[in-house]
PDB file of N, CA and C in Angstrom:
ATOM      1  N   UNK A   1      54.392 -81.640 121.587  1.00  0.00           N
ATOM      2  CA  UNK A   1      54.121 -80.509 121.866  1.00  0.00           C
ATOM      3  C   UNK A   1      54.687 -79.351 121.023  1.00  0.00           C
ATOM      4  N   UNK A   2      55.825 -79.468 120.492  1.00  0.00           N
ATOM      5  CA  UNK A   2      56.685 -78.600 119.924  1.00  0.00           C
ATOM      6  C   UNK A   2      55.883 -78.634 118.320  1.00  0.00           C
ATOM      7  N   UNK A   3      55.146 -79.462 118.019  1.00  0.00           N
ATOM      8  CA  UNK A   3      54.504 -79.427 116.786  1.00  0.00           C
ATOM      9  C   UNK A   3      53.207 -78.733 116.739  1.00  0.00           C
ATOM     10  N   UNK A   4      52.445 -78.743 117.893  1.00  0.00           N
ATOM     11  CA  UNK A   4      51.443 -78.014 118.096  1.00  0.00           C
ATOM     12  C   UNK A   4      51.594 -76.388 118.250  1.00  0.00           C
ATOM     13  N   UNK A   5      52.826 -75.830 118.542  1.00  0.00           N
ATOM     14  CA  UNK A   5      53.192 -74.327 118.557  1.00  0.00           C
ATOM     15  C   UNK A   5      53.265 -73.923 117.157  1.00  0.00           C
ATOM     16  N   UNK A   6      54.186 -74.865 116.438  1.00  0.00           N
ATOM     17  CA  UNK A   6      54.354 -74.788 115.074  1.00  0.00           C
ATOM     18  C   UNK A   6      52.961 -74.704 114.373  1.00  0.00           C
ATOM     19  N   UNK A   7      51.987 -75.503 114.494  1.00  0.00           N
ATOM     20  CA  UNK A   7      50.885 -75.496 113.752  1.00  0.00           C
ATOM     21  C   UNK A   7      50.018 -74.429 113.932  1.00  0.00           C
ATOM     22  N   UNK A   8      49.822 -73.835 115.551  1.00  0.00           N
ATOM     23  CA  UNK A   8      49.446 -72.367 115.852  1.00  0.00           C
ATOM     24  C   UNK A   8      49.898 -71.148 115.221  1.00  0.00           C
ATOM     25  N   UNK A   9      51.087 -71.360 114.742  1.00  0.00           N
ATOM     26  CA  UNK A   9      51.502 -70.016 114.207  1.00  0.00           C
ATOM     27  C   UNK A   9      51.250 -70.064 112.596  1.00  0.00           C
ATOM     28  N   UNK A  10      51.024 -71.115 112.277  1.00  0.00           N
ATOM     29  CA  UNK A  10      50.666 -71.145 110.764  1.00  0.00           C
ATOM     30  C   UNK A  10      49.346 -70.539 110.477  1.00  0.00           C
ATOM     31  N   UNK A  11      48.448 -70.936 111.755  1.00  0.00           N
ATOM     32  CA  UNK A  11      47.231 -70.128 111.372  1.00  0.00           C
ATOM     33  C   UNK A  11      46.916 -68.662 111.516  1.00  0.00           C
ATOM     34  N   UNK A  12      48.006 -67.828 112.203  1.00  0.00           N
ATOM     35  CA  UNK A  12      48.018 -66.482 112.391  1.00  0.00           C
ATOM     36  C   UNK A  12      48.762 -66.011 111.119  1.00  0.00           C
ATOM     37  N   UNK A  13      49.514 -66.946 110.411  1.00  0.00           N
ATOM     38  CA  UNK A  13      50.247 -66.208 109.285  1.00  0.00           C
ATOM     39  C   UNK A  13      49.514 -65.413 108.305  1.00  0.00           C
ATOM     40  N   UNK A  14      48.424 -65.945 107.788  1.00  0.00           N
ATOM     41  CA  UNK A  14      47.725 -65.024 106.835  1.00  0.00           C
ATOM     42  C   UNK A  14      47.416 -63.477 107.588  1.00  0.00           C
ATOM     43  N   UNK A  15      46.983 -63.398 108.669  1.00  0.00           N
ATOM     44  CA  UNK A  15      46.749 -62.005 109.130  1.00  0.00           C
ATOM     45  C   UNK A  15      47.806 -61.299 109.496  1.00  0.00           C
ATOM     46  N   UNK A  16      49.104 -61.871 109.733  1.00  0.00           N
ATOM     47  CA  UNK A  16      50.492 -61.165 109.809  1.00  0.00           C
ATOM     48  C   UNK A  16      50.911 -60.603 108.383  1.00  0.00           C
ATOM     49  N   UNK A  17      50.524 -61.606 107.142  1.00  0.00           N
ATOM     50  CA  UNK A  17      51.266 -61.070 106.129  1.00  0.00           C
ATOM     51  C   UNK A  17      50.547 -59.998 105.446  1.00  0.00           C
ATOM     52  N   UNK A  18      49.118 -59.688 105.892  1.00  0.00           N
ATOM     53  CA  UNK A  18      48.237 -58.838 105.297  1.00  0.00           C
ATOM     54  C   UNK A  18      48.597 -57.523 105.889  1.00  0.00           C
ATOM     55  N   UNK A  19      48.944 -57.552 107.290  1.00  0.00           N
ATOM     56  CA  UNK A  19      49.423 -56.324 108.024  1.00  0.00           C
ATOM     57  C   UNK A  19      50.694 -55.981 107.353  1.00  0.00           C
ATOM     58  N   UNK A  20      51.780 -56.907 106.934  1.00  0.00           N
ATOM     59  CA  UNK A  20      53.030 -56.554 106.496  1.00  0.00           C
ATOM     60  C   UNK A  20      53.046 -55.705 105.074  1.00  0.00           C
ATOM     61  N   UNK A  21      51.866 -56.462 104.525  1.00  0.00           N
ATOM     62  CA  UNK A  21      51.546 -55.729 102.804  1.00  0.00           C
ATOM     63  C   UNK A  21      51.255 -54.423 103.101  1.00  0.00           C
ATOM     64  N   UNK A  22      50.315 -54.113 104.083  1.00  0.00           N
ATOM     65  CA  UNK A  22      50.020 -52.843 104.597  1.00  0.00           C
ATOM     66  C   UNK A  22      51.154 -51.839 104.826  1.00  0.00           C
ATOM     67  N   UNK A  23      52.044 -52.407 105.482  1.00  0.00           N
ATOM     68  CA  UNK A  23      53.286 -51.737 106.166  1.00  0.00           C
ATOM     69  C   UNK A  23      54.148 -51.275 104.663  1.00  0.00           C
ATOM     70  N   UNK A  24      54.414 -52.325 103.830  1.00  0.00           N
ATOM     71  CA  UNK A  24      54.944 -51.993 102.467  1.00  0.00           C
ATOM     72  C   UNK A  24      54.521 -50.970 101.576  1.00  0.00           C
ATOM     73  N   UNK A  25      53.087 -50.975 101.526  1.00  0.00           N
ATOM     74  CA  UNK A  25      52.449 -49.995 100.688  1.00  0.00           C
ATOM     75  C   UNK A  25      52.559 -48.753 101.527  1.00  0.00           C
ATOM     76  N   UNK A  26      52.744 -48.454 102.451  1.00  0.00           N
ATOM     77  CA  UNK A  26      52.584 -47.218 103.325  1.00  0.00           C
ATOM     78  C   UNK A  26      54.116 -46.734 102.983  1.00  0.00           C
ATOM     79  N   UNK A  27      55.225 -47.695 103.127  1.00  0.00           N
ATOM     80  CA  UNK A  27      56.506 -47.156 102.983  1.00  0.00           C
ATOM     81  C   UNK A  27      56.520 -46.700 101.465  1.00  0.00           C
ATOM     82  N   UNK A  28      56.248 -47.563 100.541  1.00  0.00           N
ATOM     83  CA  UNK A  28      56.268 -47.049  99.205  1.00  0.00           C
ATOM     84  C   UNK A  28      55.605 -45.902  98.830  1.00  0.00           C
ATOM     85  N   UNK A  29      54.327 -45.328  99.445  1.00  0.00           N
ATOM     86  CA  UNK A  29      53.436 -44.373  99.462  1.00  0.00           C
ATOM     87  C   UNK A  29      54.235 -43.097  99.766  1.00  0.00           C
ATOM     88  N   UNK A  30      55.063 -43.256 101.005  1.00  0.00           N
ATOM     89  CA  UNK A  30      55.692 -42.463 101.482  1.00  0.00           C
ATOM     90  C   UNK A  30      57.022 -42.025 100.633  1.00  0.00           C
ATOM     91  N   UNK A  31      57.598 -43.003 100.114  1.00  0.00           N
ATOM     92  CA  UNK A  31      58.720 -42.843  99.159  1.00  0.00           C
ATOM     93  C   UNK A  31      58.228 -41.939  97.881  1.00  0.00           C
ATOM     94  N   UNK A  32      57.294 -42.167  97.687  1.00  0.00           N
ATOM     95  CA  UNK A  32      56.575 -41.440  96.269  1.00  0.00           C
ATOM     96  C   UNK A  32      56.330 -39.970  96.653  1.00  0.00           C
ATOM     97  N   UNK A  33      55.926 -39.813  97.840  1.00  0.00           N
ATOM     98  CA  UNK A  33      55.461 -38.475  98.029  1.00  0.00           C
ATOM     99  C   UNK A  33      56.791 -37.538  98.341  1.00  0.00           C
ATOM    100  N   UNK A  34      57.813 -38.294  98.964  1.00  0.00           N
ATOM    101  CA  UNK A  34      59.109 -37.630  98.958  1.00  0.00           C
ATOM    102  C   UNK A  34      59.469 -37.293  97.889  1.00  0.00           C
ATOM    103  N   UNK A  35      59.403 -38.167  96.918  1.00  0.00           N
ATOM    104  CA  UNK A  35      60.320 -37.880  95.473  1.00  0.00           C
ATOM    105  C   UNK A  35      59.392 -37.017  94.832  1.00  0.00           C
ATOM    106  N   UNK A  36      58.179 -36.687  94.998  1.00  0.00           N
ATOM    107  CA  UNK A  36      57.339 -35.707  94.347  1.00  0.00           C
ATOM    108  C   UNK A  36      58.007 -34.309  94.925  1.00  0.00           C
ATOM    109  N   UNK A  37      57.725 -34.280  96.206  1.00  0.00           N
ATOM    110  CA  UNK A  37      57.992 -33.065  96.877  1.00  0.00           C
ATOM    111  C   UNK A  37      59.282 -32.535  96.496  1.00  0.00           C
ATOM    112  N   UNK A  38      60.497 -33.255  96.418  1.00  0.00           N
ATOM    113  CA  UNK A  38      61.808 -32.955  96.208  1.00  0.00           C
ATOM    114  C   UNK A  38      62.152 -32.604  94.738  1.00  0.00           C
ATOM    115  N   UNK A  39      61.142 -32.996  93.561  1.00  0.00           N
ATOM    116  CA  UNK A  39      61.032 -32.918  92.311  1.00  0.00           C
ATOM    117  C   UNK A  39      60.629 -31.450  91.875  1.00  0.00           C
ATOM    118  N   UNK A  40      61.585 -30.505  91.468  1.00  0.00           N
ATOM    119  CA  UNK A  40      60.916 -29.246  91.352  1.00  0.00           C
ATOM    120  C   UNK A  40      59.758 -29.081  89.850  1.00  0.00           C
ATOM    121  N   UNK A  41      59.764 -30.110  89.128  1.00  0.00           N
ATOM    122  CA  UNK A  41      58.965 -30.003  87.859  1.00  0.00           C
ATOM    123  C   UNK A  41      57.586 -30.501  88.390  1.00  0.00           C
ATOM    124  N   UNK A  42      57.617 -31.565  89.230  1.00  0.00           N
ATOM    125  CA  UNK A  42      56.342 -32.426  89.681  1.00  0.00           C
ATOM    126  C   UNK A  42      55.658 -31.504  90.882  1.00  0.00           C
ATOM    127  N   UNK A  43      56.756 -31.031  91.971  1.00  0.00           N
ATOM    128  CA  UNK A  43      55.930 -30.620  93.215  1.00  0.00           C
ATOM    129  C   UNK A  43      54.966 -29.461  92.931  1.00  0.00           C
ATOM    130  N   UNK A  44      53.573 -29.932  93.471  1.00  0.00           N
ATOM    131  CA  UNK A  44      52.903 -28.918  93.314  1.00  0.00           C
ATOM    132  C   UNK A  44      53.145 -27.561  94.675  1.00  0.00           C
ATOM    133  N   UNK A  45      53.924 -27.751  95.158  1.00  0.00           N
ATOM    134  CA  UNK A  45      54.480 -26.858  96.027  1.00  0.00           C
ATOM    135  C   UNK A  45      55.581 -25.893  95.583  1.00  0.00           C
ATOM    136  N   UNK A  46      55.986 -25.995  94.461  1.00  0.00           N
ATOM    137  CA  UNK A  46      57.076 -25.508  93.871  1.00  0.00           C
ATOM    138  C   UNK A  46      56.613 -24.134  93.295  1.00  0.00           C
ATOM    139  N   UNK A  47      57.477 -23.266  93.199  1.00  0.00           N
ATOM    140  CA  UNK A  47      57.006 -21.905  92.598  1.00  0.00           C
ATOM    141  C   UNK A  47      56.581 -22.170  90.974  1.00  0.00           C
ATOM    142  N   UNK A  48      55.741 -21.174  90.505  1.00  0.00           N
ATOM    143  CA  UNK A  48      55.096 -21.543  89.254  1.00  0.00           C
ATOM    144  C   UNK A  48      56.479 -21.591  88.174  1.00  0.00           C
ATOM    145  N   UNK A  49      57.572 -20.713  88.227  1.00  0.00           N
ATOM    146  CA  UNK A  49      58.567 -20.405  87.211  1.00  0.00           C
ATOM    147  C   UNK A  49      59.624 -21.304  87.814  1.00  0.00           C
ATOM    148  N   UNK A  50      60.210 -22.502  86.973  1.00  0.00           N
ATOM    149  CA  UNK A  50      61.435 -23.172  87.627  1.00  0.00           C
ATOM    150  C   UNK A  50      62.188 -23.291  86.227  1.00  0.00           C
ATOM    151  N   UNK A  51      63.451 -23.201  86.277  1.00  0.00           N
ATOM    152  CA  UNK A  51      64.410 -23.589  85.355  1.00  0.00           C
ATOM    153  C   UNK A  51      65.487 -24.607  85.894  1.00  0.00           C
ATOM    154  N   UNK A  52      65.670 -25.803  85.516  1.00  0.00           N
ATOM    155  CA  UNK A  52      66.488 -26.893  85.524  1.00  0.00           C
ATOM    156  C   UNK A  52      67.495 -26.967  84.687  1.00  0.00           C
ATOM    157  N   UNK A  53      68.658 -27.320  84.840  1.00  0.00           N
ATOM    158  CA  UNK A  53      69.798 -27.495  83.860  1.00  0.00           C
ATOM    159  C   UNK A  53      70.441 -28.722  84.161  1.00  0.00           C
ATOM    160  N   UNK A  54      70.442 -29.594  83.222  1.00  0.00           N
ATOM    161  CA  UNK A  54      71.132 -31.130  83.447  1.00  0.00           C
ATOM    162  C   UNK A  54      72.462 -31.363  82.613  1.00  0.00           C
ATOM    163  N   UNK A  55      73.159 -31.754  83.321  1.00  0.00           N
ATOM    164  CA  UNK A  55      74.446 -32.283  82.794  1.00  0.00           C
ATOM    165  C   UNK A  55      75.370 -30.605  81.910  1.00  0.00           C
ATOM    166  N   UNK A  56      75.277 -29.676  82.944  1.00  0.00           N
ATOM    167  CA  UNK A  56      76.030 -28.592  82.813  1.00  0.00           C
ATOM    168  C   UNK A  56      77.320 -28.753  82.297  1.00  0.00           C
ATOM    169  N   UNK A  57      77.222 -28.044  81.109  1.00  0.00           N
ATOM    170  CA  UNK A  57      78.677 -27.601  80.315  1.00  0.00           C
ATOM    171  C   UNK A  57      79.117 -29.186  79.516  1.00  0.00           C
ATOM    172  N   UNK A  58      78.170 -30.111  79.422  1.00  0.00           N
ATOM    173  CA  UNK A  58      78.514 -31.244  78.729  1.00  0.00           C
ATOM    174  C   UNK A  58      77.835 -31.210  77.407  1.00  0.00           C
ATOM    175  N   UNK A  59      78.084 -32.038  76.381  1.00  0.00           N
ATOM    176  CA  UNK A  59      77.345 -32.140  74.995  1.00  0.00           C
ATOM    177  C   UNK A  59      75.972 -32.529  75.194  1.00  0.00           C
ATOM    178  N   UNK A  60      75.492 -33.194  76.073  1.00  0.00           N
ATOM    179  CA  UNK A  60      74.323 -33.579  76.468  1.00  0.00           C
ATOM    180  C   UNK A  60      73.397 -32.626  77.424  1.00  0.00           C
ATOM    181  N   UNK A  61      74.060 -31.430  77.719  1.00  0.00           N
ATOM    182  CA  UNK A  61      73.319 -30.637  78.330  1.00  0.00           C
ATOM    183  C   UNK A  61      71.908 -30.461  77.871  1.00  0.00           C
ATOM    184  N   UNK A  62      71.153 -30.068  79.086  1.00  0.00           N
ATOM    185  CA  UNK A  62      69.442 -29.794  78.575  1.00  0.00           C
ATOM    186  C   UNK A  62      69.092 -28.513  79.517  1.00  0.00           C
ATOM    187  N   UNK A  63      68.117 -27.869  79.292  1.00  0.00           N
ATOM    188  CA  UNK A  63      67.532 -26.751  79.872  1.00  0.00           C
ATOM    189  C   UNK A  63      66.230 -26.993  79.691  1.00  0.00           C
ATOM    190  N   UNK A  64      65.509 -27.202  80.957  1.00  0.00           N
ATOM    191  CA  UNK A  64      64.143 -27.325  81.279  1.00  0.00           C
ATOM    192  C   UNK A  64      63.603 -26.427  81.852  1.00  0.00           C
ATOM    193  N   UNK A  65      62.614 -25.489  81.185  1.00  0.00           N
ATOM    194  CA  UNK A  65      62.046 -24.123  81.429  1.00  0.00           C
ATOM    195  C   UNK A  65      60.426 -24.427  81.709  1.00  0.00           C
ATOM    196  N   UNK A  66      60.068 -24.555  83.232  1.00  0.00           N
ATOM    197  CA  UNK A  66      58.548 -24.376  83.415  1.00  0.00           C
ATOM    198  C   UNK A  66      58.315 -22.959  83.822  1.00  0.00           C
ATOM    199  N   UNK A  67      57.192 -22.531  82.864  1.00  0.00           N
ATOM    200  CA  UNK A  67      56.616 -21.373  83.306  1.00  0.00           C
ATOM    201  C   UNK A  67      55.167 -21.490  83.355  1.00  0.00           C
ATOM    202  N   UNK A  68      54.466 -21.728  84.689  1.00  0.00           N
ATOM    203  CA  UNK A  68      53.272 -21.809  84.832  1.00  0.00           C
ATOM    204  C   UNK A  68      52.945 -23.219  84.650  1.00  0.00           C
ATOM    205  N   UNK A  69      51.813 -23.374  83.626  1.00  0.00           N
ATOM    206  CA  UNK A  69      51.620 -24.632  83.489  1.00  0.00           C
ATOM    207  C   UNK A  69      52.483 -25.322  81.864  1.00  0.00           C
ATOM    208  N   UNK A  70      53.234 -24.131  81.411  1.00  0.00           N
ATOM    209  CA  UNK A  70      53.901 -24.569  80.298  1.00  0.00           C
ATOM    210  C   UNK A  70      55.305 -25.323  80.442  1.00  0.00           C
ATOM    211  N   UNK A  71      55.862 -26.389  79.987  1.00  0.00           N
ATOM    212  CA  UNK A  71      56.992 -26.899  80.212  1.00  0.00           C
ATOM    213  C   UNK A  71      57.787 -26.992  78.646  1.00  0.00           C
ATOM    214  N   UNK A  72      59.054 -26.260  78.595  1.00  0.00           N
ATOM    215  CA  UNK A  72      59.870 -26.299  77.503  1.00  0.00           C
ATOM    216  C   UNK A  72      61.098 -27.158  77.788  1.00  0.00           C
ATOM    217  N   UNK A  73      61.740 -27.694  76.862  1.00  0.00           N
ATOM    218  CA  UNK A  73      63.049 -28.524  76.804  1.00  0.00           C
ATOM    219  C   UNK A  73      63.781 -27.846  75.804  1.00  0.00           C
ATOM    220  N   UNK A  74      65.033 -27.428  76.426  1.00  0.00           N
ATOM    221  CA  UNK A  74      66.021 -26.953  75.044  1.00  0.00           C
ATOM    222  C   UNK A  74      67.437 -28.097  75.263  1.00  0.00           C
ATOM    223  N   UNK A  75      67.732 -28.436  74.136  1.00  0.00           N
ATOM    224  CA  UNK A  75      68.889 -29.176  74.040  1.00  0.00           C
ATOM    225  C   UNK A  75      70.143 -28.658  73.441  1.00  0.00           C
ATOM    226  N   UNK A  76      71.012 -28.712  73.829  1.00  0.00           N
ATOM    227  CA  UNK A  76      72.517 -28.352  73.455  1.00  0.00           C
ATOM    228  C   UNK A  76      72.928 -28.801  72.048  1.00  0.00           C
ATOM    229  N   UNK A  77      73.035 -27.638  71.135  1.00  0.00           N
ATOM    230  CA  UNK A  77      73.494 -28.033  69.772  1.00  0.00           C
ATOM    231  C   UNK A  77      75.270 -28.671  69.603  1.00  0.00           C
ATOM    232  N   UNK A  78      75.814 -27.969  70.788  1.00  0.00           N
ATOM    233  CA  UNK A  78      77.477 -27.930  70.355  1.00  0.00           C
ATOM    234  C   UNK A  78      77.948 -26.728  69.790  1.00  0.00           C
ATOM    235  N   UNK A  79      77.209 -25.998  68.976  1.00  0.00           N
ATOM    236  CA  UNK A  79      77.644 -25.238  68.092  1.00  0.00           C
ATOM    237  C   UNK A  79      77.959 -23.911  69.155  1.00  0.00           C
ATOM    238  N   UNK A  80      78.786 -23.181  68.586  1.00  0.00           N
ATOM    239  CA  UNK A  80      79.293 -21.779  69.507  1.00  0.00           C
ATOM    240  C   UNK A  80      78.518 -20.716  68.963  1.00  0.00           C
ATOM    241  N   UNK A  81      77.715 -20.041  69.875  1.00  0.00           N
ATOM    242  CA  UNK A  81      77.068 -18.697  69.639  1.00  0.00           C
ATOM    243  C   UNK A  81      77.386 -17.715  69.258  1.00  0.00           C
ATOM    244  N   UNK A  82      76.881 -16.925  68.451  1.00  0.00           N
ATOM    245  CA  UNK A  82      77.406 -15.846  67.459  1.00  0.00           C
ATOM    246  C   UNK A  82      76.273 -14.838  67.833  1.00  0.00           C
ATOM    247  N   UNK A  83      76.826 -13.330  67.678  1.00  0.00           N
ATOM    248  CA  UNK A  83      75.789 -12.157  67.880  1.00  0.00           C
ATOM    249  C   UNK A  83      76.281 -10.916  67.889  1.00  0.00           C
ATOM    250  N   UNK A  84      75.509  -9.831  67.583  1.00  0.00           N
ATOM    251  CA  UNK A  84      76.125  -8.568  67.935  1.00  0.00           C
ATOM    252  C   UNK A  84      76.010  -8.005  69.300  1.00  0.00           C
ATOM    253  N   UNK A  85      76.801  -7.337  69.543  1.00  0.00           N
ATOM    254  CA  UNK A  85      76.916  -6.637  70.835  1.00  0.00           C
ATOM    255  C   UNK A  85      78.137  -5.998  71.062  1.00  0.00           C
ATOM    256  N   UNK A  86      78.355  -5.471  72.531  1.00  0.00           N
ATOM    257  CA  UNK A  86      79.562  -4.901  73.139  1.00  0.00           C
ATOM    258  C   UNK A  86      80.027  -5.465  74.089  1.00  0.00           C
ATOM    259  N   UNK A  87      81.047  -5.359  74.576  1.00  0.00           N
ATOM    260  CA  UNK A  87      81.756  -5.734  75.676  1.00  0.00           C
ATOM    261  C   UNK A  87      81.248  -5.254  76.992  1.00  0.00           C
ATOM    262  N   UNK A  88      80.591  -5.718  77.924  1.00  0.00           N
ATOM    263  CA  UNK A  88      80.062  -4.989  79.067  1.00  0.00           C
ATOM    264  C   UNK A  88      80.923  -5.117  80.324  1.00  0.00           C
ATOM    265  N   UNK A  89      82.160  -5.764  80.202  1.00  0.00           N
ATOM    266  CA  UNK A  89      82.871  -5.819  81.253  1.00  0.00           C
ATOM    267  C   UNK A  89      83.810  -6.906  81.336  1.00  0.00           C
ATOM    268  N   UNK A  90      84.650  -6.889  82.118  1.00  0.00           N
ATOM    269  CA  UNK A  90      85.932  -8.005  82.158  1.00  0.00           C
ATOM    270  C   UNK A  90      85.426  -8.763  83.683  1.00  0.00           C
ATOM    271  N   UNK A  91      85.477 -10.010  83.211  1.00  0.00           N
ATOM    272  CA  UNK A  91      85.190 -11.007  84.292  1.00  0.00           C
ATOM    273  C   UNK A  91      86.643 -11.678  84.674  1.00  0.00           C
ATOM    274  N   UNK A  92      87.021 -11.933  86.321  1.00  0.00           N
ATOM    275  CA  UNK A  92      88.227 -12.189  86.803  1.00  0.00           C
ATOM    276  C   UNK A  92      87.662 -13.744  87.495  1.00  0.00           C
ATOM    277  N   UNK A  93      88.568 -14.625  87.504  1.00  0.00           N
ATOM    278  CA  UNK A  93      88.436 -15.603  88.112  1.00  0.00           C
ATOM    279  C   UNK A  93      89.630 -15.666  89.516  1.00  0.00           C
ATOM    280  N   UNK A  94      88.473 -15.568  90.729  1.00  0.00           N
ATOM    281  CA  UNK A  94      89.476 -15.355  91.961  1.00  0.00           C
ATOM    282  C   UNK A  94      90.179 -16.678  92.341  1.00  0.00           C
ATOM    283  N   UNK A  95      91.311 -16.639  93.139  1.00  0.00           N
ATOM    284  CA  UNK A  95      91.711 -17.676  93.689  1.00  0.00           C
ATOM    285  C   UNK A  95      91.019 -18.764  94.331  1.00  0.00           C
ATOM    286  N   UNK A  96      90.041 -18.391  95.341  1.00  0.00           N
ATOM    287  CA  UNK A  96      89.144 -19.198  95.618  1.00  0.00           C
ATOM    288  C   UNK A  96      88.056 -19.784  94.725  1.00  0.00           C
ATOM    289  N   UNK A  97      88.073 -19.746  93.143  1.00  0.00           N
ATOM    290  CA  UNK A  97      87.240 -20.176  92.389  1.00  0.00           C
ATOM    291  C   UNK A  97      85.757 -19.331  92.014  1.00  0.00           C
ATOM    292  N   UNK A  98      85.743 -18.021  92.786  1.00  0.00           N
ATOM    293  CA  UNK A  98      84.572 -17.285  92.435  1.00  0.00           C
ATOM    294  C   UNK A  98      84.937 -16.659  91.081  1.00  0.00           C
ATOM    295  N   UNK A  99      83.582 -15.849  90.698  1.00  0.00           N
ATOM    296  CA  UNK A  99      84.137 -14.982  89.381  1.00  0.00           C
ATOM    297  C   UNK A  99      83.403 -13.582  89.752  1.00  0.00           C
ATOM    298  N   UNK A 100      84.571 -12.815  89.308  1.00  0.00           N
ATOM    299  CA  UNK A 100      84.179 -11.233  89.980  1.00  0.00           C
ATOM    300  C   UNK A 100      83.864 -10.596  88.247  1.00  0.00           C
ATOM    301  N   UNK A 101      82.767 -10.110  87.915  1.00  0.00           N
ATOM    302  CA  UNK A 101      82.513  -8.954  86.690  1.00  0.00           C
ATOM    303  C   UNK A 101      82.730  -7.721  87.336  1.00  0.00           C
ATOM    304  N   UNK A 102      83.639  -6.812  86.375  1.00  0.00           N
ATOM    305  CA  UNK A 102      83.786  -5.589  86.498  1.00  0.00           C
ATOM    306  C   UNK A 102      83.229  -4.588  85.478  1.00  0.00           C
ATOM    307  N   UNK A 103      82.436  -4.259  85.522  1.00  0.00           N
ATOM    308  CA  UNK A 103      81.597  -3.332  84.480  1.00  0.00           C
ATOM    309  C   UNK A 103      82.651  -2.271  83.830  1.00  0.00           C
ATOM    310  N   UNK A 104      82.526  -2.080  82.638  1.00  0.00           N
ATOM    311  CA  UNK A 104      83.334  -1.010  82.207  1.00  0.00           C
ATOM    312  C   UNK A 104      82.803   0.293  82.230  1.00  0.00           C
ATOM    313  N   UNK A 105      83.611   1.403  82.652  1.00  0.00           N
ATOM    314  CA  UNK A 105      82.827   2.620  83.043  1.00  0.00           C
ATOM    315  C   UNK A 105      83.013   3.294  81.590  1.00  0.00           C
ATOM    316  N   UNK A 106      81.802   4.014  81.047  1.00  0.00           N
ATOM    317  CA  UNK A 106      81.611   4.733  79.701  1.00  0.00           C
ATOM    318  C   UNK A 106      81.789   6.083  79.841  1.00  0.00           C
ATOM    319  N   UNK A 107      82.820   6.674  78.899  1.00  0.00           N
ATOM    320  CA  UNK A 107      82.846   8.215  79.117  1.00  0.00           C
ATOM    321  C   UNK A 107      81.699   8.857  78.395  1.00  0.00           C
ATOM    322  N   UNK A 108      81.641  10.121  78.685  1.00  0.00           N
ATOM    323  CA  UNK A 108      80.507  10.894  77.912  1.00  0.00           C
ATOM    324  C   UNK A 108      80.421  10.743  76.274  1.00  0.00           C
ATOM    325  N   UNK A 109      81.491  10.776  75.929  1.00  0.00           N
ATOM    326  CA  UNK A 109      81.928  10.696  74.394  1.00  0.00           C
ATOM    327  C   UNK A 109      81.212   9.185  73.632  1.00  0.00           C
ATOM    328  N   UNK A 110      81.622   7.849  74.506  1.00  0.00           N
ATOM    329  CA  UNK A 110      81.441   6.749  74.159  1.00  0.00           C
ATOM    330  C   UNK A 110      79.730   6.546  74.363  1.00  0.00           C
ATOM    331  N   UNK A 111      78.995   7.396  75.233  1.00  0.00           N
ATOM    332  CA  UNK A 111      77.741   7.175  75.663  1.00  0.00           C
ATOM    333  C   UNK A 111      76.635   7.309  74.338  1.00  0.00           C
ATOM    334  N   UNK A 112      76.862   8.311  73.520  1.00  0.00           N
ATOM    335  CA  UNK A 112      76.079   8.388  72.496  1.00  0.00           C
ATOM    336  C   UNK A 112      75.012   9.122  72.674  1.00  0.00           C
ATOM    337  N   UNK A 113      74.127   9.262  71.671  1.00  0.00           N
ATOM    338  CA  UNK A 113      72.724  10.336  72.141  1.00  0.00           C
ATOM    339  C   UNK A 113      71.757   9.358  73.207  1.00  0.00           C
TER     340      UNK A 113
END
């Protein structure tokens, strides 16, 4: 009697395995949709212009800029930047870790024409 019950279960197994495969494919498709929705570069629902910084502050830092359909990648060279300019203010790091920028007040003589 017990052998007959085991034999009957084997005849239903192919149908159950097909149902299980469909369930697995549905889970994989759902995982892919969630991944695409959370990735700002791949998501069709994201804003048109996106900037992503990876490994911020490390030598391997990379900046990815998406403007419309155009995607550009910028890699850090490790060199210190230089340029012409004026000091625009003073930055202070507060005890809570935030940074406050205090702009300088220009006098009328410094403002120029």
